[in-house]
Amino acid sequence: MKHALTFVGIGQMGGGIARRLSASGFDVLGFDISAQSRSAAQASGLTVQADLKLALHNRQVILSSVPNAETARQAWLGPTGILQYA
């Protein structure tokens, strides 16, 4: 059974990790607040979603790769963060 996972933060580093997971057989859905990062990830073959709530729907695993601790706090704990929708 494939694990359905959402990868939050699909920029330079996160995009590479997400692509590797996808190539390894995981069902990866990518999310990023940056339209440019989403477009680049999609162009490289990843499935992406522009809405975090939709990106997390029915996903079993959530991974993230963001630039720093403050961004991680906001991504996970902020008013429109991951824990609001997971």
N, C-alpha and C. Protein backbone atom coordinates (compact mmCIF):
# COMPACT_ATOMS: atom_id res chain seq x y z
N MET A 1 0.83 -1.19 0.00
CA MET A 1 0.00 0.00 0.00
C MET A 1 0.88 1.25 0.00
N LYS A 2 0.60 2.16 -0.90
CA LYS A 2 1.33 3.43 -0.93
C LYS A 2 0.86 4.32 0.21
N HIS A 3 1.81 4.98 0.84
CA HIS A 3 1.46 5.98 1.84
C HIS A 3 1.16 7.28 1.13
N ALA A 4 0.00 7.87 1.41
CA ALA A 4 -0.37 9.15 0.84
C ALA A 4 0.21 10.24 1.73
N LEU A 5 1.13 11.03 1.18
CA LEU A 5 1.74 12.06 2.01
C LEU A 5 1.70 13.41 1.33
N THR A 6 1.64 14.43 2.18
CA THR A 6 1.75 15.81 1.72
C THR A 6 3.11 16.32 2.14
N PHE A 7 3.79 16.97 1.20
CA PHE A 7 5.07 17.57 1.49
C PHE A 7 4.89 19.08 1.42
N VAL A 8 5.04 19.74 2.56
CA VAL A 8 4.89 21.19 2.65
C VAL A 8 6.27 21.83 2.54
N GLY A 9 6.41 22.71 1.56
CA GLY A 9 7.71 23.36 1.33
C GLY A 9 8.45 22.65 0.23
N ILE A 10 8.04 22.88 -1.01
CA ILE A 10 8.63 22.16 -2.15
C ILE A 10 9.52 23.08 -2.98
N GLY A 11 10.29 23.90 -2.28
CA GLY A 11 11.27 24.76 -2.93
C GLY A 11 12.52 23.98 -3.27
N GLN A 12 13.66 24.61 -3.17
CA GLN A 12 14.92 23.99 -3.56
C GLN A 12 15.17 22.66 -2.87
N MET A 13 15.22 22.64 -1.56
CA MET A 13 15.54 21.41 -0.85
C MET A 13 14.31 20.50 -0.75
N GLY A 14 13.18 21.03 -0.34
CA GLY A 14 11.99 20.22 -0.17
C GLY A 14 11.50 19.59 -1.46
N GLY A 15 11.64 20.34 -2.56
CA GLY A 15 11.23 19.79 -3.85
C GLY A 15 12.04 18.57 -4.23
N GLY A 16 13.34 18.62 -3.96
CA GLY A 16 14.19 17.47 -4.24
C GLY A 16 13.83 16.26 -3.39
N ILE A 17 13.55 16.50 -2.13
CA ILE A 17 13.15 15.40 -1.24
C ILE A 17 11.82 14.82 -1.70
N ALA A 18 10.88 15.69 -2.02
CA ALA A 18 9.55 15.24 -2.47
C ALA A 18 9.66 14.41 -3.75
N ARG A 19 10.49 14.86 -4.69
CA ARG A 19 10.67 14.10 -5.93
C ARG A 19 11.28 12.73 -5.65
N ARG A 20 12.23 12.68 -4.74
CA ARG A 20 12.87 11.40 -4.40
C ARG A 20 11.85 10.44 -3.77
N LEU A 21 11.02 10.96 -2.89
CA LEU A 21 9.97 10.13 -2.27
C LEU A 21 9.00 9.61 -3.33
N SER A 22 8.62 10.49 -4.25
CA SER A 22 7.72 10.09 -5.32
C SER A 22 8.35 9.00 -6.18
N ALA A 23 9.62 9.17 -6.52
CA ALA A 23 10.33 8.17 -7.33
C ALA A 23 10.47 6.84 -6.60
N SER A 24 10.40 6.89 -5.26
CA SER A 24 10.50 5.67 -4.45
C SER A 24 9.15 5.00 -4.24
N GLY A 25 8.11 5.54 -4.85
CA GLY A 25 6.81 4.89 -4.80
C GLY A 25 5.79 5.50 -3.87
N PHE A 26 6.14 6.57 -3.19
CA PHE A 26 5.17 7.23 -2.31
C PHE A 26 4.22 8.09 -3.14
N ASP A 27 2.98 8.19 -2.68
CA ASP A 27 1.97 9.06 -3.28
C ASP A 27 2.17 10.45 -2.68
N VAL A 28 2.92 11.31 -3.36
CA VAL A 28 3.32 12.61 -2.83
C VAL A 28 2.47 13.72 -3.45
N LEU A 29 1.94 14.57 -2.59
CA LEU A 29 1.25 15.78 -3.01
C LEU A 29 2.01 16.95 -2.41
N GLY A 30 2.48 17.86 -3.24
CA GLY A 30 3.29 18.97 -2.77
C GLY A 30 2.48 20.23 -2.55
N PHE A 31 2.88 21.00 -1.54
CA PHE A 31 2.28 22.32 -1.27
C PHE A 31 3.39 23.31 -0.97
N ASP A 32 3.21 24.52 -1.46
CA ASP A 32 4.12 25.62 -1.12
C ASP A 32 3.34 26.91 -1.24
N ILE A 33 3.65 27.89 -0.39
CA ILE A 33 2.97 29.18 -0.50
C ILE A 33 3.44 29.95 -1.73
N SER A 34 4.57 29.57 -2.28
CA SER A 34 5.13 30.23 -3.46
C SER A 34 4.60 29.59 -4.75
N ALA A 35 3.92 30.41 -5.55
CA ALA A 35 3.44 29.92 -6.84
C ALA A 35 4.61 29.47 -7.72
N GLN A 36 5.74 30.17 -7.62
CA GLN A 36 6.92 29.82 -8.41
C GLN A 36 7.44 28.42 -8.02
N SER A 37 7.47 28.13 -6.72
CA SER A 37 7.92 26.81 -6.27
C SER A 37 6.94 25.73 -6.70
N ARG A 38 5.65 26.02 -6.62
CA ARG A 38 4.65 25.04 -7.08
C ARG A 38 4.81 24.76 -8.56
N SER A 39 5.00 25.81 -9.35
CA SER A 39 5.16 25.63 -10.81
C SER A 39 6.40 24.81 -11.15
N ALA A 40 7.50 25.11 -10.48
CA ALA A 40 8.74 24.36 -10.73
C ALA A 40 8.57 22.90 -10.33
N ALA A 41 7.93 22.66 -9.20
CA ALA A 41 7.72 21.28 -8.75
C ALA A 41 6.81 20.52 -9.71
N GLN A 42 5.78 21.19 -10.16
CA GLN A 42 4.85 20.56 -11.11
C GLN A 42 5.56 20.27 -12.43
N ALA A 43 6.39 21.18 -12.88
CA ALA A 43 7.14 20.98 -14.12
C ALA A 43 8.10 19.80 -14.01
N SER A 44 8.54 19.51 -12.77
CA SER A 44 9.46 18.38 -12.58
C SER A 44 8.72 17.06 -12.35
N GLY A 45 7.39 17.11 -12.41
CA GLY A 45 6.62 15.87 -12.33
C GLY A 45 5.85 15.65 -11.04
N LEU A 46 5.97 16.55 -10.07
CA LEU A 46 5.22 16.40 -8.82
C LEU A 46 3.79 16.87 -9.00
N THR A 47 2.89 16.24 -8.28
CA THR A 47 1.52 16.72 -8.19
C THR A 47 1.50 17.77 -7.09
N VAL A 48 0.91 18.92 -7.36
CA VAL A 48 0.91 20.00 -6.40
C VAL A 48 -0.51 20.50 -6.15
N GLN A 49 -0.68 21.17 -5.02
CA GLN A 49 -1.95 21.76 -4.63
C GLN A 49 -1.66 23.15 -4.08
N ALA A 50 -2.43 24.16 -4.50
CA ALA A 50 -2.21 25.53 -4.05
C ALA A 50 -2.92 25.86 -2.74
N ASP A 51 -3.83 25.00 -2.30
CA ASP A 51 -4.60 25.23 -1.08
C ASP A 51 -4.17 24.23 -0.01
N LEU A 52 -3.66 24.72 1.12
CA LEU A 52 -3.14 23.83 2.17
C LEU A 52 -4.21 22.88 2.69
N LYS A 53 -5.40 23.38 2.93
CA LYS A 53 -6.47 22.53 3.46
C LYS A 53 -6.75 21.36 2.52
N LEU A 54 -6.81 21.64 1.23
CA LEU A 54 -7.03 20.57 0.25
C LEU A 54 -5.82 19.65 0.15
N ALA A 55 -4.63 20.22 0.30
CA ALA A 55 -3.40 19.42 0.23
C ALA A 55 -3.31 18.40 1.36
N LEU A 56 -3.93 18.71 2.49
CA LEU A 56 -3.85 17.82 3.65
C LEU A 56 -5.00 16.81 3.73
N HIS A 57 -6.03 17.03 2.95
CA HIS A 57 -7.22 16.17 3.00
C HIS A 57 -6.89 14.71 2.66
N ASN A 58 -7.24 13.81 3.56
CA ASN A 58 -7.07 12.36 3.37
C ASN A 58 -5.62 11.92 3.20
N ARG A 59 -4.68 12.68 3.72
CA ARG A 59 -3.28 12.30 3.62
C ARG A 59 -2.85 11.67 4.94
N GLN A 60 -2.06 10.63 4.88
CA GLN A 60 -1.66 9.88 6.06
C GLN A 60 -0.41 10.45 6.74
N VAL A 61 0.43 11.11 5.96
CA VAL A 61 1.71 11.60 6.46
C VAL A 61 1.89 13.04 5.99
N ILE A 62 2.42 13.89 6.87
CA ILE A 62 2.74 15.27 6.52
C ILE A 62 4.21 15.49 6.83
N LEU A 63 4.96 15.91 5.83
CA LEU A 63 6.37 16.26 5.99
C LEU A 63 6.55 17.72 5.59
N SER A 64 7.57 18.35 6.13
CA SER A 64 7.82 19.73 5.74
C SER A 64 9.31 20.01 5.64
N SER A 65 9.63 20.98 4.78
CA SER A 65 10.98 21.48 4.64
C SER A 65 10.84 22.97 4.36
N VAL A 66 11.10 23.75 5.38
CA VAL A 66 10.96 25.20 5.27
C VAL A 66 12.27 25.86 5.73
N PRO A 67 12.47 27.15 5.39
CA PRO A 67 13.79 27.77 5.55
C PRO A 67 14.33 27.93 6.96
N ASN A 68 13.46 28.12 7.96
CA ASN A 68 13.98 28.40 9.30
C ASN A 68 12.93 28.07 10.37
N ALA A 69 13.32 28.22 11.63
CA ALA A 69 12.45 27.84 12.75
C ALA A 69 11.17 28.66 12.79
N GLU A 70 11.26 29.95 12.55
CA GLU A 70 10.06 30.80 12.58
C GLU A 70 9.07 30.41 11.48
N THR A 71 9.58 30.13 10.32
CA THR A 71 8.72 29.68 9.22
C THR A 71 8.09 28.33 9.57
N ALA A 72 8.83 27.46 10.21
CA ALA A 72 8.28 26.16 10.63
C ALA A 72 7.16 26.35 11.65
N ARG A 73 7.39 27.24 12.62
CA ARG A 73 6.33 27.50 13.62
C ARG A 73 5.06 28.00 12.94
N GLN A 74 5.20 28.94 12.02
CA GLN A 74 4.03 29.46 11.32
C GLN A 74 3.38 28.39 10.44
N ALA A 75 4.20 27.60 9.76
CA ALA A 75 3.66 26.57 8.88
C ALA A 75 2.86 25.53 9.65
N TRP A 76 3.32 25.18 10.83
CA TRP A 76 2.65 24.14 11.63
C TRP A 76 1.63 24.70 12.62
N LEU A 77 1.96 25.81 13.27
CA LEU A 77 1.15 26.28 14.39
C LEU A 77 0.37 27.57 14.11
N GLY A 78 0.63 28.21 12.99
CA GLY A 78 -0.02 29.48 12.67
C GLY A 78 -1.52 29.33 12.49
N PRO A 79 -2.23 30.45 12.42
CA PRO A 79 -3.70 30.43 12.32
C PRO A 79 -4.22 29.73 11.07
N THR A 80 -3.43 29.66 10.03
CA THR A 80 -3.82 28.90 8.83
C THR A 80 -2.77 27.82 8.55
N GLY A 81 -2.19 27.29 9.64
CA GLY A 81 -1.12 26.30 9.53
C GLY A 81 -1.63 24.87 9.44
N ILE A 82 -0.68 23.99 9.34
CA ILE A 82 -0.95 22.56 9.15
C ILE A 82 -1.87 22.00 10.23
N LEU A 83 -1.61 22.32 11.50
CA LEU A 83 -2.40 21.73 12.58
C LEU A 83 -3.85 22.22 12.60
N GLN A 84 -4.14 23.30 11.90
CA GLN A 84 -5.54 23.75 11.80
C GLN A 84 -6.35 22.84 10.90
N TYR A 85 -5.68 22.16 9.99
CA TYR A 85 -6.37 21.36 8.98
C TYR A 85 -6.10 19.86 9.05
N ALA A 86 -5.07 19.47 9.76
CA ALA A 86 -4.69 18.04 9.78
C ALA A 86 -5.62 17.25 10.68
